[in-house]
């Protein structure tokens, strides 16, 4: 690992209550164990911008899904253990405790205009990429794979080692 080299950007475009997103995030939990030093991962949320919606966008799995979008990746693996509770404040608090994170500032942000604006910005990024499927994966700015009931458009494969190899190859090319 060369600290002078930029990290490889990995983007996951997801819907938090989507089983495909849960499967994808689970795979990337394992990928990051091997690539954390050379990777910067972001999640952006698949929804439709809608000024009249409570959170500024319409989520496929109702408003409770939109509420959860302000959580960060470290919560995801815990949250994903029980999909029906995703979006529940109590579940987020429990997962934050398990992760050793103080939920108070996250809760404050999530329930403020700042949280809403961050969510709308995330949806705008997703729309700018033309992404509509959860989970869509970009590595180093390039579409790498989609999971929508099954994996497809994955020329380098869709297993943990395949994604690790793609990230390492991108890092070597920097």
Protein backbone atom coordinates (compact mmCIF):
# COMPACT_ATOMS: atom_id res chain seq x y z
CA UNK A 1 0.00 0.00 0.00
CA UNK A 2 1.40 3.36 -1.10
CA UNK A 3 -0.08 6.19 0.97
CA UNK A 4 0.84 8.62 -1.82
CA UNK A 5 -1.44 6.89 -4.32
CA UNK A 6 -5.13 7.74 -4.41
CA UNK A 7 -7.54 5.07 -3.27
CA UNK A 8 -9.78 3.24 -5.73
CA UNK A 9 -13.34 4.58 -5.61
CA UNK A 10 -16.03 1.92 -5.20
CA UNK A 11 -19.65 3.00 -5.45
CA UNK A 12 -22.60 0.86 -4.42
CA UNK A 13 -25.97 2.09 -5.63
CA UNK A 14 -28.62 0.53 -3.40
CA UNK A 15 -32.10 0.56 -1.91
CA UNK A 16 -31.67 -0.16 1.78
CA UNK A 17 -34.58 -2.61 2.09
CA UNK A 18 -33.74 -4.47 -1.11
CA UNK A 19 -32.57 -8.08 -0.75
CA UNK A 20 -30.18 -7.53 -3.68
CA UNK A 21 -28.55 -4.64 -1.83
CA UNK A 22 -28.21 -6.80 1.28
CA UNK A 23 -26.51 -9.54 -0.76
CA UNK A 24 -24.22 -7.02 -2.44
CA UNK A 25 -23.27 -5.28 0.80
CA UNK A 26 -22.53 -8.63 2.39
CA UNK A 27 -20.10 -9.45 -0.44
CA UNK A 28 -18.46 -6.04 -0.10
CA UNK A 29 -18.10 -6.48 3.65
CA UNK A 30 -15.76 -9.36 2.75
CA UNK A 31 -14.12 -7.45 -0.13
CA UNK A 32 -13.24 -4.57 2.19
CA UNK A 33 -11.48 -6.91 4.60
CA UNK A 34 -8.90 -7.39 1.84
CA UNK A 35 -8.93 -3.97 0.16
CA UNK A 36 -9.73 -1.44 2.88
CA UNK A 37 -6.31 0.28 2.64
CA UNK A 38 -6.67 0.95 -1.09
CA UNK A 39 -10.42 1.54 -1.36
CA UNK A 40 -12.79 4.37 -0.66
CA UNK A 41 -16.36 3.11 -0.68
CA UNK A 42 -19.50 5.18 -0.98
CA UNK A 43 -23.14 4.26 -1.14
CA UNK A 44 -25.71 6.19 -3.10
CA UNK A 45 -29.36 5.47 -2.94
CA UNK A 46 -31.70 4.40 -5.70
CA UNK A 47 -34.91 6.43 -5.50
CA UNK A 48 -36.78 9.01 -7.58
CA UNK A 49 -36.36 12.70 -6.79
CA UNK A 50 -39.75 14.09 -5.80
CA UNK A 51 -40.08 17.57 -4.28
CA UNK A 52 -43.46 16.72 -2.76
CA UNK A 53 -42.23 13.55 -1.01
CA UNK A 54 -41.54 13.74 2.72
CA UNK A 55 -37.80 13.15 2.28
CA UNK A 56 -37.39 14.82 -1.14
CA UNK A 57 -37.46 11.51 -3.02
CA UNK A 58 -39.77 8.53 -3.41
CA UNK A 59 -38.37 5.18 -2.30
CA UNK A 60 -39.56 1.91 -3.82
CA UNK A 61 -40.08 0.32 -0.41
CA UNK A 62 -41.99 3.29 1.11
CA UNK A 63 -40.88 6.19 3.33
CA UNK A 64 -39.38 3.91 5.99
CA UNK A 65 -36.70 3.03 3.43
CA UNK A 66 -35.95 6.72 2.80
CA UNK A 67 -35.45 7.30 6.53
CA UNK A 68 -32.66 4.71 6.67
CA UNK A 69 -30.64 6.16 3.80
CA UNK A 70 -28.73 8.54 6.09
CA UNK A 71 -26.96 5.73 7.93
CA UNK A 72 -23.41 4.85 6.93
CA UNK A 73 -21.78 1.68 5.64
CA UNK A 74 -20.53 0.42 9.00
CA UNK A 75 -24.13 0.02 10.14
CA UNK A 76 -25.19 -1.86 7.02
CA UNK A 77 -24.04 -5.34 7.88
CA UNK A 78 -25.79 -5.14 11.24
CA UNK A 79 -28.92 -3.56 9.78
CA UNK A 80 -29.04 -6.18 7.03
CA UNK A 81 -29.37 -9.01 9.52
CA UNK A 82 -33.08 -8.28 9.74
CA UNK A 83 -34.46 -6.52 6.64
CA UNK A 84 -37.96 -5.77 8.01
CA UNK A 85 -36.42 -3.59 10.74
CA UNK A 86 -34.34 -1.46 8.35
CA UNK A 87 -35.49 2.15 8.76
CA UNK A 88 -36.50 1.64 12.39
CA UNK A 89 -34.82 4.11 14.75
CA UNK A 90 -34.67 1.47 17.53
CA UNK A 91 -32.89 -1.00 15.22
CA UNK A 92 -30.40 1.70 14.17
CA UNK A 93 -29.69 2.49 17.82
CA UNK A 94 -29.13 -1.19 18.59
CA UNK A 95 -26.79 -1.56 15.60
CA UNK A 96 -24.90 1.59 16.54
CA UNK A 97 -24.30 0.14 20.00
CA UNK A 98 -23.05 -3.10 18.45
CA UNK A 99 -20.74 -1.08 16.20
CA UNK A 100 -19.55 1.04 19.13
CA UNK A 101 -20.86 4.25 17.57
CA UNK A 102 -22.75 7.02 19.36
CA UNK A 103 -26.05 7.25 17.51
CA UNK A 104 -27.00 10.70 18.88
CA UNK A 105 -25.24 12.79 16.18
CA UNK A 106 -26.41 10.41 13.44
CA UNK A 107 -29.99 10.67 14.69
CA UNK A 108 -29.74 14.45 14.90
CA UNK A 109 -28.47 14.64 11.32
CA UNK A 110 -30.97 12.10 9.98
CA UNK A 111 -33.94 14.01 11.35
CA UNK A 112 -32.73 17.43 10.21
CA UNK A 113 -32.77 19.30 6.92
CA UNK A 114 -29.07 18.43 6.60
CA UNK A 115 -29.95 14.72 6.55
CA UNK A 116 -32.72 15.28 4.02
CA UNK A 117 -30.38 17.32 1.81
CA UNK A 118 -27.68 14.63 1.97
CA UNK A 119 -30.25 12.03 0.96
CA UNK A 120 -31.49 14.15 -1.97
CA UNK A 121 -27.87 14.73 -3.07
CA UNK A 122 -27.23 10.98 -2.98
CA UNK A 123 -30.32 10.28 -5.10
CA UNK A 124 -29.19 13.01 -7.54
CA UNK A 125 -25.82 11.29 -7.95
CA UNK A 126 -27.58 7.98 -8.62
CA UNK A 127 -29.81 9.61 -11.23
CA UNK A 128 -26.79 11.27 -12.88
CA UNK A 129 -25.31 7.80 -13.43
CA UNK A 130 -28.62 6.56 -14.84
CA UNK A 131 -28.73 3.81 -12.23
CA UNK A 132 -32.10 2.24 -11.47
CA UNK A 133 -31.15 -1.21 -10.14
CA UNK A 134 -30.23 -2.04 -6.58
CA UNK A 135 -27.45 -3.12 -6.30
CA UNK A 136 -25.30 -1.55 -9.02
CA UNK A 137 -21.52 -1.54 -8.50
CA UNK A 138 -19.01 0.88 -9.99
CA UNK A 139 -15.29 0.40 -9.45
CA UNK A 140 -12.91 3.19 -10.45
CA UNK A 141 -15.71 5.05 -12.22
CA UNK A 142 -16.72 2.09 -14.40
CA UNK A 143 -19.79 -0.12 -14.23
CA UNK A 144 -18.55 -3.39 -12.79
CA UNK A 145 -21.61 -5.48 -11.92
CA UNK A 146 -25.35 -5.45 -11.20
CA UNK A 147 -27.30 -7.62 -8.79
CA UNK A 148 -31.04 -7.70 -9.55
CA UNK A 149 -32.38 -11.10 -8.46
CA UNK A 150 -29.14 -12.48 -9.93
CA UNK A 151 -25.71 -11.13 -10.87
CA UNK A 152 -25.25 -9.81 -14.43
CA UNK A 153 -23.06 -7.43 -16.43
CA UNK A 154 -20.16 -8.76 -14.35
CA UNK A 155 -17.40 -9.39 -16.91
CA UNK A 156 -14.82 -10.01 -14.18
CA UNK A 157 -17.06 -12.28 -12.11
CA UNK A 158 -19.17 -11.59 -9.03
CA UNK A 159 -17.41 -13.42 -6.20
CA UNK A 160 -15.43 -11.72 -3.41
CA UNK A 161 -12.08 -12.62 -5.03
CA UNK A 162 -13.27 -11.24 -8.38
CA UNK A 163 -14.08 -7.84 -6.89
CA UNK A 164 -10.83 -7.84 -4.90
CA UNK A 165 -8.91 -8.51 -8.12
CA UNK A 166 -10.74 -5.68 -9.92
CA UNK A 167 -9.90 -3.24 -7.13
CA UNK A 168 -6.26 -4.37 -7.00
CA UNK A 169 -5.98 -4.06 -10.80
CA UNK A 170 -7.43 -0.55 -10.68
CA UNK A 171 -5.02 0.38 -7.88
CA UNK A 172 -2.05 -0.95 -9.85
CA UNK A 173 -3.15 1.19 -12.79
CA UNK A 174 -3.20 4.41 -10.77
